[in-house]
Amino acid sequence: MTTPRTRRSQRRTEALSRERIIEAAVELLDAAGEGGLTFRVLTERLATGPGAIYWHVANKGELLGAATDAVVAAALAVEPAEAPGSPQDAVRGVALGLFDAIGEHPWLATQLSTQLSRSPWGSVAPRIFESLGRQVRALGVPEDGWFAATSVLVHYILGAAGQNAANSASARDLGPGTDRTEFLGAVATAWQELDPDDYPFTRAVAAQLRDHDDHEQFLAGVDLVLAGITAGSGRTSR
């Protein structure tokens, strides 16, 4: 027999969707990192009981995976402003979507690494591989090279984006009021003061470090990878 209390509990569970739980989890992760995401804090934010949350997600690991997948899916779903261009353009779009998402969500880089290494059968790894792999195939890469070429793109994109996010976090950790320009200026100055006999190249590029644009540098790396891929398949990247 269904009691009034049971009906109220069912209504709360139905009203509290899995999507809303994941949305709240992302908000907590953005604000306080993985350590700030607990089921106790989550229940307080959602004004519900733990049972309603456990109805949708079994544990914190599943919740972290779902939050990671939701952010990645949103990053990859951004429609281009104009009609789709070449496969190279599509790769650049995917790359920038992931780059910006990792920059906006400080916890994402670590979770992506975790998901790809510990749960490659989950939804995150296939989603990223599919988005890039279709374009690798469209570039005319032979089938036996699809996995290697796509893996190189994935590793570069996630690695470079993660490092950029880490650099931004380091700049913030220097103290209030410290911005990216000051951080890069300090690093460039330190490089310029290195021993000229031991570090001639590092000293020579110090000014480029100070003045570089993160997006432009990131896309330059994507283009280098694409140039290698297309050269290997007998086609030329623009």
Protein backbone atom coordinates (compact mmCIF):
# COMPACT_ATOMS: atom_id res chain seq x y z
CA MET A 1 0.00 0.00 0.00
CA THR A 2 1.29 3.44 -0.94
CA THR A 3 1.23 5.85 1.98
CA PRO A 4 1.17 9.67 1.77
CA ARG A 5 4.77 9.68 2.99
CA THR A 6 5.79 7.30 0.20
CA ARG A 7 4.04 9.43 -2.40
CA ARG A 8 5.82 12.55 -1.12
CA SER A 9 9.17 10.75 -1.30
CA GLN A 10 8.46 9.62 -4.86
CA ARG A 11 7.53 13.16 -5.90
CA ARG A 12 10.79 14.53 -4.43
CA THR A 13 12.80 11.87 -6.23
CA GLU A 14 11.09 12.59 -9.54
CA ALA A 15 11.53 16.36 -9.13
CA LEU A 16 15.22 15.94 -8.31
CA SER A 17 16.51 14.75 -11.66
CA ARG A 18 19.91 13.24 -12.35
CA GLU A 19 20.65 16.27 -14.52
CA ARG A 20 20.04 18.68 -11.62
CA ILE A 21 22.27 16.62 -9.33
CA ILE A 22 25.07 16.70 -11.89
CA GLU A 23 24.59 20.43 -12.43
CA ALA A 24 24.92 21.05 -8.68
CA ALA A 25 27.96 18.78 -8.53
CA VAL A 26 29.67 20.80 -11.28
CA GLU A 27 28.92 24.01 -9.38
CA LEU A 28 30.49 22.59 -6.21
CA LEU A 29 33.52 21.30 -8.10
CA ASP A 30 34.05 24.71 -9.71
CA ALA A 31 33.81 26.44 -6.35
CA ALA A 32 35.82 24.10 -4.12
CA GLY A 33 37.37 21.31 -6.19
CA GLU A 34 36.99 17.58 -5.68
CA GLY A 35 37.48 17.91 -1.93
CA GLY A 36 34.49 20.24 -1.71
CA LEU A 37 32.15 17.76 -3.39
CA THR A 38 30.59 15.62 -0.70
CA PHE A 39 27.14 14.09 -0.52
CA ARG A 40 26.47 16.05 2.66
CA VAL A 41 27.19 19.39 0.98
CA LEU A 42 25.30 18.27 -2.10
CA THR A 43 22.19 17.38 -0.11
CA GLU A 44 22.31 20.78 1.59
CA ARG A 45 22.59 22.59 -1.73
CA LEU A 46 19.70 20.63 -3.22
CA ALA A 47 17.63 20.79 -0.02
CA THR A 48 16.99 17.07 -0.08
CA GLY A 49 17.99 13.88 1.68
CA PRO A 50 20.86 11.57 0.71
CA GLY A 51 18.42 8.86 -0.37
CA ALA A 52 17.10 11.03 -3.21
CA ILE A 53 20.64 11.49 -4.52
CA TYR A 54 21.61 7.83 -4.14
CA TRP A 55 18.52 7.01 -6.18
CA HIS A 56 20.30 8.55 -9.18
CA VAL A 57 24.04 8.04 -8.48
CA ALA A 58 25.62 5.20 -6.53
CA ASN A 59 28.73 6.94 -5.17
CA LYS A 60 31.09 9.87 -5.55
CA GLY A 61 33.11 8.17 -8.26
CA GLU A 62 30.04 7.80 -10.44
CA LEU A 63 29.09 11.41 -9.74
CA LEU A 64 32.55 12.68 -10.73
CA GLY A 65 32.39 10.67 -13.93
CA ALA A 66 28.94 12.03 -14.75
CA ALA A 67 30.03 15.62 -14.05
CA THR A 68 33.09 15.19 -16.25
CA ASP A 69 31.02 13.73 -19.07
CA ALA A 70 28.44 16.53 -18.83
CA VAL A 71 31.07 19.26 -19.13
CA VAL A 72 32.84 17.49 -22.00
CA ALA A 73 29.56 16.91 -23.83
CA ALA A 74 28.68 20.60 -23.53
CA ALA A 75 32.14 21.62 -24.77
CA LEU A 76 31.89 19.36 -27.81
CA ALA A 77 28.30 20.37 -28.61
CA VAL A 78 29.12 24.02 -29.35
CA GLU A 79 27.96 24.74 -32.88
CA PRO A 80 30.35 26.61 -35.20
CA ALA A 81 29.37 30.18 -36.04
CA GLU A 82 29.53 29.37 -39.74
CA ALA A 83 28.99 26.31 -41.88
CA PRO A 84 31.44 23.48 -41.12
CA GLY A 85 34.68 23.77 -43.04
CA SER A 86 37.48 21.27 -43.48
CA PRO A 87 38.28 18.39 -41.12
CA GLN A 88 41.17 20.51 -39.87
CA ASP A 89 38.72 23.26 -38.92
CA ALA A 90 36.57 20.72 -37.10
CA VAL A 91 39.58 19.45 -35.13
CA ARG A 92 40.46 23.02 -34.17
CA GLY A 93 36.89 23.56 -32.99
CA VAL A 94 36.94 20.42 -30.83
CA ALA A 95 40.37 21.35 -29.48
CA LEU A 96 39.32 24.88 -28.53
CA GLY A 97 36.12 23.63 -26.93
CA LEU A 98 38.08 21.30 -24.67
CA PHE A 99 40.79 23.91 -24.04
CA ASP A 100 38.25 26.48 -22.85
CA ALA A 101 36.32 23.94 -20.77
CA ILE A 102 39.48 22.86 -18.95
CA GLY A 103 40.35 26.51 -18.35
CA GLU A 104 36.88 27.27 -16.96
CA HIS A 105 36.69 24.19 -14.72
CA PRO A 106 39.94 23.81 -12.73
CA TRP A 107 39.10 20.24 -11.64
CA LEU A 108 38.43 18.96 -15.17
CA ALA A 109 42.00 18.22 -16.28
CA THR A 110 42.59 15.82 -13.40
CA GLN A 111 39.25 14.13 -13.90
CA LEU A 112 39.84 13.71 -17.63
CA SER A 113 43.16 12.03 -16.92
CA THR A 114 41.46 9.78 -14.37
CA GLN A 115 38.58 8.89 -16.68
CA LEU A 116 40.81 8.11 -19.66
CA SER A 117 43.25 5.98 -17.66
CA ARG A 118 40.96 4.23 -15.18
CA SER A 119 37.62 4.16 -16.99
CA PRO A 120 38.32 4.15 -20.75
CA TRP A 121 35.16 2.06 -21.20
CA GLY A 122 33.04 4.89 -19.77
CA SER A 123 31.40 7.62 -21.82
CA VAL A 124 34.13 10.29 -21.64
CA ALA A 125 36.92 8.59 -23.60
CA PRO A 126 34.67 7.38 -26.47
CA ARG A 127 33.05 10.82 -26.71
CA ILE A 128 36.40 12.58 -27.19
CA PHE A 129 37.82 9.89 -29.48
CA GLU A 130 34.71 9.93 -31.66
CA SER A 131 34.77 13.72 -32.06
CA LEU A 132 38.40 13.71 -33.18
CA GLY A 133 38.51 10.31 -34.84
CA ARG A 134 35.82 11.14 -37.38
CA GLN A 135 37.94 14.05 -38.56
CA VAL A 136 41.08 11.92 -38.69
CA ARG A 137 39.21 9.52 -40.94
CA ALA A 138 37.98 12.43 -43.09
CA LEU A 139 41.60 13.54 -43.54
CA GLY A 140 42.24 10.34 -45.49
CA VAL A 141 44.38 8.62 -42.87
CA PRO A 142 44.62 4.87 -43.59
CA GLU A 143 42.52 2.79 -41.23
CA ASP A 144 45.54 1.19 -39.55
CA GLY A 145 46.66 4.69 -38.53
CA TRP A 146 43.36 5.97 -37.11
CA PHE A 147 44.03 5.04 -33.50
CA ALA A 148 47.60 6.37 -33.40
CA ALA A 149 46.72 9.67 -35.08
CA THR A 150 43.67 10.25 -32.89
CA SER A 151 45.60 9.32 -29.75
CA VAL A 152 48.30 11.87 -30.56
CA LEU A 153 45.66 14.58 -30.98
CA VAL A 154 43.94 13.62 -27.72
CA HIS A 155 47.20 13.57 -25.78
CA TYR A 156 48.34 16.92 -27.13
CA ILE A 157 44.99 18.66 -26.63
CA LEU A 158 44.39 17.43 -23.09
CA GLY A 159 48.03 17.78 -22.07
CA ALA A 160 48.48 21.31 -23.38
CA ALA A 161 45.09 22.44 -22.06
CA GLY A 162 45.81 20.92 -18.66
CA GLN A 163 49.21 22.57 -18.47
CA ASN A 164 47.72 25.94 -19.40
CA ALA A 165 45.10 25.56 -16.66
CA ALA A 166 47.84 24.64 -14.18
CA ASN A 167 49.84 27.74 -15.18
CA SER A 168 46.78 29.92 -14.61
CA ALA A 169 46.25 28.35 -11.19
CA SER A 170 49.91 28.97 -10.29
CA ALA A 171 49.55 32.62 -11.22
CA ARG A 172 46.48 32.95 -9.00
CA ASP A 173 48.29 31.26 -6.12
CA LEU A 174 50.97 33.96 -6.12
CA GLY A 175 48.51 36.23 -4.36
CA PRO A 176 45.59 38.57 -4.94
CA GLY A 177 46.07 41.00 -7.78
CA THR A 178 48.64 38.87 -9.61
CA ASP A 179 47.60 38.45 -13.22
CA ARG A 180 48.84 36.40 -16.15
CA THR A 181 50.96 39.22 -17.58
CA GLU A 182 52.86 39.67 -14.32
CA PHE A 183 53.34 35.92 -13.94
CA LEU A 184 54.71 35.47 -17.46
CA GLY A 185 56.85 38.57 -17.07
CA ALA A 186 58.47 37.15 -13.95
CA VAL A 187 59.16 33.83 -15.66
CA ALA A 188 60.57 35.55 -18.76
CA THR A 189 62.86 37.69 -16.63
CA ALA A 190 64.13 34.61 -14.82
CA TRP A 191 64.84 32.90 -18.14
CA GLN A 192 66.70 35.93 -19.45
CA GLU A 193 68.95 35.84 -16.40
CA LEU A 194 70.03 32.23 -16.98
CA ASP A 195 73.63 31.44 -17.87
CA PRO A 196 74.04 32.27 -21.60
CA ASP A 197 76.41 29.36 -22.16
CA ASP A 198 74.11 26.74 -20.61
CA TYR A 199 70.75 28.14 -21.78
CA PRO A 200 71.22 30.07 -25.05
CA PHE A 201 67.94 28.90 -26.57
CA THR A 202 65.82 29.46 -23.45
CA ARG A 203 67.17 32.99 -23.13
CA ALA A 204 66.45 33.64 -26.81
CA VAL A 205 62.74 32.73 -26.53
CA ALA A 206 62.11 34.45 -23.19
CA ALA A 207 60.53 37.48 -24.86
CA GLN A 208 58.20 35.21 -26.86
CA LEU A 209 57.08 33.58 -23.62
CA ARG A 210 56.23 36.97 -22.15
CA ASP A 211 54.15 38.10 -25.13
CA HIS A 212 52.50 34.89 -26.35
CA ASP A 213 48.75 34.33 -26.65
CA ASP A 214 47.60 31.06 -25.08
CA HIS A 215 44.96 30.30 -27.71
CA GLU A 216 47.29 31.05 -30.61
CA GLN A 217 50.07 28.93 -29.15
CA PHE A 218 47.68 26.07 -28.46
CA LEU A 219 46.26 26.14 -32.00
CA ALA A 220 49.78 26.32 -33.43
CA GLY A 221 50.47 23.02 -31.68
CA VAL A 222 47.24 21.52 -33.05
CA ASP A 223 48.28 22.60 -36.55
CA LEU A 224 51.71 21.01 -36.12
CA VAL A 225 50.06 17.71 -35.17
CA LEU A 226 47.63 18.00 -38.10
CA ALA A 227 50.49 18.75 -40.48
CA GLY A 228 52.21 15.54 -39.39
CA ILE A 229 49.02 13.52 -39.72
CA THR A 230 48.16 14.86 -43.18
CA ALA A 231 51.74 14.51 -44.40
CA GLY A 232 51.70 10.88 -43.33
CA SER A 233 48.47 10.30 -45.24
CA GLY A 234 49.69 12.08 -48.37
CA ARG A 235 47.49 15.17 -47.95
CA THR A 236 48.39 18.76 -47.09
CA SER A 237 46.89 20.74 -44.19
CA ARG A 238 46.14 24.36 -44.92
